[in-house]
Each structure stands twice: as C-alpha cells, then as structure tokens.
Amino acid sequence: MLKARVDYKLLIDIGDSLASDNGVSEAAASRAIASASATHPDVVPVIRACQECPDFRSLVLDIIMKDFKEHEKHNPLAIFESIAMVFNALIVLSEMSALPPPKDFFEEYRVLIEAQIDRSPTVAA
C-alpha cells in the first residue's frame, strides 16, 4: 500500500506520469516504474495502464484532482494522499481485472475507485 509520507518521491513521479504532455509523462513514468519495481511492484501495472491509454490516464487524474480539491485547504499532504489512495484503489481493481478497462466501463471504474478512497491515518503515514 502506498503511503503519502513514506512514498512521496514515488508519488511525485506517479503524479508527473499523469501529465497530458507525453514528453513529461513518459520520463516520469519510467522513473516511477523503476522506483516502484523495487518497493511497490503492484503499482507498476497501474502506471503502465495509465501510459498505454491517455483516456484512462485522464480519468485517473480527474479522480485524483477531485479528491485533492476537497481536502487541500486543511492538509498540506493532500495531493500525495490523493495520489496514494487512488493508486491503492487501482491496485485492488487490477487484481480483479486487467487495466485499463474498456472505455465503456470508465464511469463504473470511477464509482469503484471513489468508493475505495480511504483517507485513513495509514495512508497519510
């Protein structure tokens, strides 16, 4: 499980890998994959899915930003927590079915991801 305080360097690379500019996104994804391979190998397929499908990447970024905007005023770690929680949810979903899902299921995935967002002290730690 990704944690905001512990994995912040990886979370920065994951966040940058979601950029719409492929030049920025690809380099950050490579760094994130290299880092995650050693510490969080279950994150690697999720990062790759976001790189393979720009529409899925946009969906993931939208969910992260929505959660971040709800919590940014009261929490300086909110962006790291938002990235960690969404990617933790995606890890669970990737264990059940391949990512990215077909486009027809994006909204169902949005609902599933948002339902799994857990703003617990464990994620913040």
N, C-alpha and C. Protein backbone atom coordinates (compact mmCIF):
# COMPACT_ATOMS: atom_id res chain seq x y z
N MET A 1 0.85 -1.17 0.00
CA MET A 1 0.00 0.00 0.00
C MET A 1 0.90 1.24 0.00
N LEU A 2 0.57 2.17 -0.88
CA LEU A 2 1.30 3.44 -0.93
C LEU A 2 0.91 4.32 0.25
N LYS A 3 1.89 5.02 0.79
CA LYS A 3 1.65 5.92 1.92
C LYS A 3 2.24 7.29 1.59
N ALA A 4 1.48 8.33 1.88
CA ALA A 4 1.84 9.69 1.47
C ALA A 4 3.20 10.14 2.00
N ARG A 5 3.45 9.96 3.27
CA ARG A 5 4.71 10.46 3.85
C ARG A 5 5.90 9.59 3.48
N VAL A 6 5.72 8.31 3.41
CA VAL A 6 6.81 7.38 3.16
C VAL A 6 7.19 7.35 1.68
N ASP A 7 6.19 7.36 0.81
CA ASP A 7 6.41 7.15 -0.62
C ASP A 7 6.30 8.43 -1.43
N TYR A 8 6.52 9.57 -0.81
CA TYR A 8 6.27 10.84 -1.50
C TYR A 8 7.11 11.01 -2.77
N LYS A 9 8.34 10.51 -2.80
CA LYS A 9 9.15 10.65 -4.03
C LYS A 9 8.54 9.85 -5.17
N LEU A 10 8.12 8.63 -4.88
CA LEU A 10 7.44 7.82 -5.89
C LEU A 10 6.13 8.48 -6.30
N LEU A 11 5.40 9.04 -5.35
CA LEU A 11 4.12 9.69 -5.66
C LEU A 11 4.32 10.93 -6.53
N ILE A 12 5.43 11.62 -6.36
CA ILE A 12 5.73 12.76 -7.25
C ILE A 12 5.90 12.26 -8.68
N ASP A 13 6.67 11.19 -8.86
CA ASP A 13 6.86 10.64 -10.21
C ASP A 13 5.55 10.10 -10.78
N ILE A 14 4.74 9.46 -9.95
CA ILE A 14 3.45 8.97 -10.42
C ILE A 14 2.58 10.15 -10.85
N GLY A 15 2.54 11.19 -10.04
CA GLY A 15 1.76 12.39 -10.40
C GLY A 15 2.24 12.99 -11.70
N ASP A 16 3.55 13.12 -11.86
CA ASP A 16 4.10 13.66 -13.11
C ASP A 16 3.82 12.74 -14.30
N SER A 17 3.73 11.43 -14.05
CA SER A 17 3.47 10.49 -15.14
C SER A 17 2.05 10.64 -15.69
N LEU A 18 1.19 11.33 -14.96
CA LEU A 18 -0.18 11.55 -15.41
C LEU A 18 -0.33 12.81 -16.25
N ALA A 19 0.77 13.52 -16.48
CA ALA A 19 0.73 14.75 -17.28
C ALA A 19 0.23 14.46 -18.68
N SER A 20 -0.49 15.41 -19.25
CA SER A 20 -1.01 15.21 -20.61
C SER A 20 0.09 15.34 -21.65
N ASP A 21 1.18 16.01 -21.32
CA ASP A 21 2.33 16.15 -22.22
C ASP A 21 3.12 14.84 -22.19
N ASN A 22 3.11 14.10 -23.29
CA ASN A 22 3.77 12.80 -23.32
C ASN A 22 5.26 12.88 -23.01
N GLY A 23 5.92 13.97 -23.36
CA GLY A 23 7.33 14.11 -23.05
C GLY A 23 7.58 14.10 -21.55
N VAL A 24 6.76 14.82 -20.82
CA VAL A 24 6.85 14.85 -19.35
C VAL A 24 6.39 13.51 -18.79
N SER A 25 5.30 13.04 -19.28
CA SER A 25 4.67 11.83 -18.77
C SER A 25 5.56 10.60 -18.91
N GLU A 26 6.18 10.42 -20.06
CA GLU A 26 6.97 9.21 -20.31
C GLU A 26 8.21 9.15 -19.42
N ALA A 27 8.91 10.25 -19.26
CA ALA A 27 10.10 10.26 -18.41
C ALA A 27 9.73 9.99 -16.95
N ALA A 28 8.68 10.63 -16.48
CA ALA A 28 8.24 10.42 -15.10
C ALA A 28 7.74 8.99 -14.89
N ALA A 29 7.05 8.44 -15.88
CA ALA A 29 6.57 7.06 -15.78
C ALA A 29 7.75 6.10 -15.70
N SER A 30 8.78 6.35 -16.48
CA SER A 30 9.98 5.50 -16.43
C SER A 30 10.61 5.54 -15.04
N ARG A 31 10.71 6.74 -14.47
CA ARG A 31 11.26 6.87 -13.11
C ARG A 31 10.36 6.17 -12.09
N ALA A 32 9.06 6.36 -12.23
CA ALA A 32 8.11 5.76 -11.29
C ALA A 32 8.15 4.23 -11.38
N ILE A 33 8.22 3.70 -12.59
CA ILE A 33 8.28 2.25 -12.77
C ILE A 33 9.57 1.70 -12.18
N ALA A 34 10.69 2.37 -12.42
CA ALA A 34 11.97 1.92 -11.88
C ALA A 34 11.94 1.91 -10.35
N SER A 35 11.40 2.96 -9.77
CA SER A 35 11.32 3.06 -8.31
C SER A 35 10.33 2.06 -7.73
N ALA A 36 9.17 1.97 -8.34
CA ALA A 36 8.12 1.07 -7.84
C ALA A 36 8.50 -0.39 -7.99
N SER A 37 9.29 -0.72 -8.99
CA SER A 37 9.69 -2.12 -9.21
C SER A 37 10.37 -2.69 -7.97
N ALA A 38 11.13 -1.87 -7.28
CA ALA A 38 11.85 -2.33 -6.09
C ALA A 38 10.99 -2.30 -4.83
N THR A 39 10.14 -1.30 -4.70
CA THR A 39 9.42 -1.11 -3.44
C THR A 39 7.94 -1.46 -3.49
N HIS A 40 7.31 -1.22 -4.63
CA HIS A 40 5.86 -1.45 -4.78
C HIS A 40 5.58 -2.04 -6.17
N PRO A 41 5.98 -3.28 -6.42
CA PRO A 41 5.79 -3.85 -7.77
C PRO A 41 4.34 -3.92 -8.21
N ASP A 42 3.40 -3.93 -7.27
CA ASP A 42 1.98 -3.97 -7.62
C ASP A 42 1.49 -2.67 -8.25
N VAL A 43 2.27 -1.60 -8.14
CA VAL A 43 1.91 -0.31 -8.73
C VAL A 43 2.29 -0.25 -10.21
N VAL A 44 3.28 -1.03 -10.61
CA VAL A 44 3.82 -0.95 -11.97
C VAL A 44 2.74 -1.16 -13.04
N PRO A 45 1.89 -2.20 -12.94
CA PRO A 45 0.85 -2.37 -13.98
C PRO A 45 -0.12 -1.19 -14.06
N VAL A 46 -0.36 -0.54 -12.94
CA VAL A 46 -1.27 0.61 -12.93
C VAL A 46 -0.62 1.79 -13.66
N ILE A 47 0.65 2.03 -13.39
CA ILE A 47 1.37 3.11 -14.08
C ILE A 47 1.38 2.84 -15.58
N ARG A 48 1.66 1.59 -15.95
CA ARG A 48 1.70 1.23 -17.38
C ARG A 48 0.33 1.40 -18.03
N ALA A 49 -0.72 1.03 -17.33
CA ALA A 49 -2.08 1.19 -17.89
C ALA A 49 -2.38 2.65 -18.17
N CYS A 50 -1.95 3.52 -17.28
CA CYS A 50 -2.17 4.96 -17.48
C CYS A 50 -1.36 5.47 -18.67
N GLN A 51 -0.19 4.90 -18.90
CA GLN A 51 0.63 5.31 -20.03
C GLN A 51 0.08 4.78 -21.35
N GLU A 52 -0.48 3.59 -21.32
CA GLU A 52 -0.98 2.96 -22.55
C GLU A 52 -2.27 3.60 -23.06
N CYS A 53 -3.05 4.16 -22.16
CA CYS A 53 -4.36 4.69 -22.54
C CYS A 53 -4.52 6.12 -22.03
N PRO A 54 -4.31 7.12 -22.88
CA PRO A 54 -4.44 8.51 -22.45
C PRO A 54 -5.81 8.84 -21.85
N ASP A 55 -6.86 8.21 -22.34
CA ASP A 55 -8.20 8.48 -21.79
C ASP A 55 -8.31 7.95 -20.36
N PHE A 56 -7.72 6.79 -20.12
CA PHE A 56 -7.72 6.24 -18.76
C PHE A 56 -6.86 7.12 -17.85
N ARG A 57 -5.73 7.56 -18.36
CA ARG A 57 -4.85 8.47 -17.60
C ARG A 57 -5.62 9.73 -17.21
N SER A 58 -6.40 10.27 -18.13
CA SER A 58 -7.21 11.47 -17.83
C SER A 58 -8.26 11.18 -16.76
N LEU A 59 -8.87 10.02 -16.83
CA LEU A 59 -9.86 9.63 -15.82
C LEU A 59 -9.21 9.56 -14.43
N VAL A 60 -8.06 8.90 -14.36
CA VAL A 60 -7.35 8.76 -13.09
C VAL A 60 -6.96 10.14 -12.54
N LEU A 61 -6.43 10.98 -13.40
CA LEU A 61 -6.03 12.33 -12.98
C LEU A 61 -7.25 13.12 -12.49
N ASP A 62 -8.36 12.99 -13.17
CA ASP A 62 -9.59 13.69 -12.77
C ASP A 62 -10.05 13.26 -11.38
N ILE A 63 -9.99 11.98 -11.09
CA ILE A 63 -10.39 11.48 -9.77
C ILE A 63 -9.44 12.01 -8.70
N ILE A 64 -8.15 11.99 -8.99
CA ILE A 64 -7.15 12.50 -8.04
C ILE A 64 -7.40 13.97 -7.75
N MET A 65 -7.59 14.76 -8.80
CA MET A 65 -7.77 16.20 -8.62
C MET A 65 -9.06 16.53 -7.87
N LYS A 66 -10.11 15.76 -8.13
CA LYS A 66 -11.38 15.98 -7.42
C LYS A 66 -11.18 15.74 -5.92
N ASP A 67 -10.52 14.64 -5.58
CA ASP A 67 -10.28 14.35 -4.17
C ASP A 67 -9.36 15.40 -3.55
N PHE A 68 -8.32 15.78 -4.27
CA PHE A 68 -7.37 16.79 -3.78
C PHE A 68 -8.07 18.11 -3.47
N LYS A 69 -8.92 18.55 -4.38
CA LYS A 69 -9.60 19.84 -4.19
C LYS A 69 -10.52 19.83 -2.97
N GLU A 70 -11.03 18.66 -2.61
CA GLU A 70 -11.89 18.56 -1.44
C GLU A 70 -11.11 18.65 -0.13
N HIS A 71 -9.79 18.39 -0.17
CA HIS A 71 -9.02 18.29 1.06
C HIS A 71 -7.81 19.21 1.15
N GLU A 72 -7.50 19.96 0.10
CA GLU A 72 -6.26 20.73 0.07
C GLU A 72 -6.16 21.83 1.11
N LYS A 73 -7.27 22.45 1.48
CA LYS A 73 -7.22 23.59 2.40
C LYS A 73 -6.75 23.21 3.80
N HIS A 74 -7.04 22.01 4.21
CA HIS A 74 -6.76 21.60 5.58
C HIS A 74 -5.60 20.62 5.70
N ASN A 75 -4.95 20.31 4.59
CA ASN A 75 -3.94 19.26 4.65
C ASN A 75 -2.83 19.51 3.63
N PRO A 76 -1.64 19.81 4.08
CA PRO A 76 -0.54 20.07 3.15
C PRO A 76 -0.09 18.83 2.37
N LEU A 77 -0.45 17.65 2.84
CA LEU A 77 -0.10 16.42 2.13
C LEU A 77 -1.22 15.91 1.25
N ALA A 78 -2.25 16.70 1.05
CA ALA A 78 -3.46 16.23 0.36
C ALA A 78 -3.17 15.66 -1.02
N ILE A 79 -2.31 16.28 -1.81
CA ILE A 79 -2.06 15.76 -3.16
C ILE A 79 -1.40 14.40 -3.10
N PHE A 80 -0.47 14.21 -2.16
CA PHE A 80 0.19 12.91 -2.03
C PHE A 80 -0.80 11.85 -1.56
N GLU A 81 -1.67 12.23 -0.61
CA GLU A 81 -2.69 11.30 -0.14
C GLU A 81 -3.66 10.94 -1.25
N SER A 82 -4.05 11.92 -2.05
CA SER A 82 -5.00 11.66 -3.14
C SER A 82 -4.39 10.69 -4.15
N ILE A 83 -3.15 10.92 -4.55
CA ILE A 83 -2.49 10.02 -5.50
C ILE A 83 -2.38 8.62 -4.89
N ALA A 84 -1.93 8.54 -3.63
CA ALA A 84 -1.77 7.24 -2.98
C ALA A 84 -3.10 6.49 -2.90
N MET A 85 -4.16 7.16 -2.49
CA MET A 85 -5.44 6.49 -2.34
C MET A 85 -6.00 6.00 -3.67
N VAL A 86 -5.91 6.83 -4.69
CA VAL A 86 -6.44 6.42 -6.00
C VAL A 86 -5.62 5.25 -6.55
N PHE A 87 -4.30 5.33 -6.44
CA PHE A 87 -3.48 4.22 -6.93
C PHE A 87 -3.66 2.96 -6.08
N ASN A 88 -3.87 3.10 -4.77
CA ASN A 88 -4.17 1.92 -3.95
C ASN A 88 -5.47 1.26 -4.41
N ALA A 89 -6.47 2.06 -4.73
CA ALA A 89 -7.73 1.53 -5.24
C ALA A 89 -7.52 0.84 -6.59
N LEU A 90 -6.70 1.45 -7.44
CA LEU A 90 -6.43 0.85 -8.75
C LEU A 90 -5.66 -0.46 -8.63
N ILE A 91 -4.79 -0.57 -7.64
CA ILE A 91 -4.07 -1.83 -7.41
C ILE A 91 -5.07 -2.93 -7.11
N VAL A 92 -6.03 -2.65 -6.24
CA VAL A 92 -7.05 -3.63 -5.90
C VAL A 92 -7.85 -4.01 -7.14
N LEU A 93 -8.26 -3.02 -7.92
CA LEU A 93 -9.04 -3.30 -9.14
C LEU A 93 -8.23 -4.09 -10.15
N SER A 94 -6.92 -3.83 -10.23
CA SER A 94 -6.08 -4.54 -11.20
C SER A 94 -5.93 -6.01 -10.84
N GLU A 95 -6.14 -6.35 -9.57
CA GLU A 95 -6.10 -7.75 -9.16
C GLU A 95 -7.34 -8.51 -9.61
N MET A 96 -8.42 -7.77 -9.89
CA MET A 96 -9.68 -8.39 -10.31
C MET A 96 -9.83 -8.44 -11.82
N SER A 97 -9.29 -7.43 -12.51
CA SER A 97 -9.38 -7.41 -13.97
C SER A 97 -8.27 -6.53 -14.53
N ALA A 98 -7.98 -6.74 -15.79
CA ALA A 98 -6.88 -6.02 -16.44
C ALA A 98 -7.19 -4.53 -16.56
N LEU A 99 -6.15 -3.74 -16.41
CA LEU A 99 -6.24 -2.29 -16.63
C LEU A 99 -5.50 -1.96 -17.91
N PRO A 100 -5.91 -0.97 -18.64
CA PRO A 100 -7.09 -0.15 -18.43
C PRO A 100 -8.35 -0.90 -18.84
N PRO A 101 -9.47 -0.55 -18.24
CA PRO A 101 -10.72 -1.18 -18.62
C PRO A 101 -11.17 -0.66 -19.99
N PRO A 102 -12.10 -1.36 -20.63
CA PRO A 102 -12.67 -0.81 -21.86
C PRO A 102 -13.33 0.54 -21.57
N LYS A 103 -13.31 1.43 -22.54
CA LYS A 103 -13.86 2.78 -22.35
C LYS A 103 -15.30 2.76 -21.85
N ASP A 104 -16.05 1.77 -22.28
CA ASP A 104 -17.45 1.68 -21.86
C ASP A 104 -17.61 1.52 -20.35
N PHE A 105 -16.55 1.11 -19.66
CA PHE A 105 -16.61 0.87 -18.22
C PHE A 105 -15.92 1.95 -17.40
N PHE A 106 -15.49 3.03 -18.03
CA PHE A 106 -14.78 4.08 -17.30
C PHE A 106 -15.60 4.65 -16.15
N GLU A 107 -16.86 4.93 -16.39
CA GLU A 107 -17.67 5.53 -15.32
C GLU A 107 -17.90 4.55 -14.18
N GLU A 108 -18.04 3.27 -14.49
CA GLU A 108 -18.17 2.27 -13.43
C GLU A 108 -16.88 2.22 -12.61
N TYR A 109 -15.75 2.31 -13.28
CA TYR A 109 -14.47 2.33 -12.58
C TYR A 109 -14.34 3.58 -11.72
N ARG A 110 -14.82 4.70 -12.22
CA ARG A 110 -14.79 5.93 -11.41
C ARG A 110 -15.53 5.71 -10.09
N VAL A 111 -16.71 5.13 -10.18
CA VAL A 111 -17.52 4.87 -8.98
C VAL A 111 -16.79 3.91 -8.04
N LEU A 112 -16.20 2.86 -8.60
CA LEU A 112 -15.47 1.89 -7.77
C LEU A 112 -14.26 2.53 -7.09
N ILE A 113 -13.52 3.32 -7.83
CA ILE A 113 -12.33 3.97 -7.27
C ILE A 113 -12.74 4.95 -6.18
N GLU A 114 -13.71 5.79 -6.46
CA GLU A 114 -14.15 6.78 -5.47
C GLU A 114 -14.70 6.11 -4.21
N ALA A 115 -15.33 4.95 -4.37
CA ALA A 115 -15.86 4.23 -3.21
C ALA A 115 -14.74 3.65 -2.34
N GLN A 116 -13.58 3.40 -2.94
CA GLN A 116 -12.47 2.80 -2.21
C GLN A 116 -11.51 3.82 -1.61
N ILE A 117 -11.69 5.08 -1.94
CA ILE A 117 -10.78 6.09 -1.40
C ILE A 117 -10.90 6.08 0.12
N ASP A 118 -9.77 5.89 0.76
CA ASP A 118 -9.71 5.75 2.21
C ASP A 118 -8.77 6.79 2.77
N ARG A 119 -9.31 7.82 3.34
CA ARG A 119 -8.49 8.90 3.90
C ARG A 119 -8.18 8.55 5.36
N SER A 120 -7.47 7.45 5.53
CA SER A 120 -7.15 6.99 6.88
C SER A 120 -5.74 7.42 7.28
N PRO A 121 -5.44 7.36 8.56
CA PRO A 121 -4.09 7.70 9.01
C PRO A 121 -3.04 6.78 8.40
N THR A 122 -3.43 5.56 8.02
CA THR A 122 -2.48 4.63 7.42
C THR A 122 -1.95 5.16 6.10
N VAL A 123 -2.81 5.75 5.29
CA VAL A 123 -2.39 6.30 4.00
C VAL A 123 -1.52 7.53 4.21
N ALA A 124 -1.85 8.32 5.20
CA ALA A 124 -1.09 9.54 5.47
C ALA A 124 0.29 9.24 6.06
N ALA A 125 0.40 8.13 6.72
CA ALA A 125 1.67 7.80 7.41
C ALA A 125 2.85 7.67 6.48
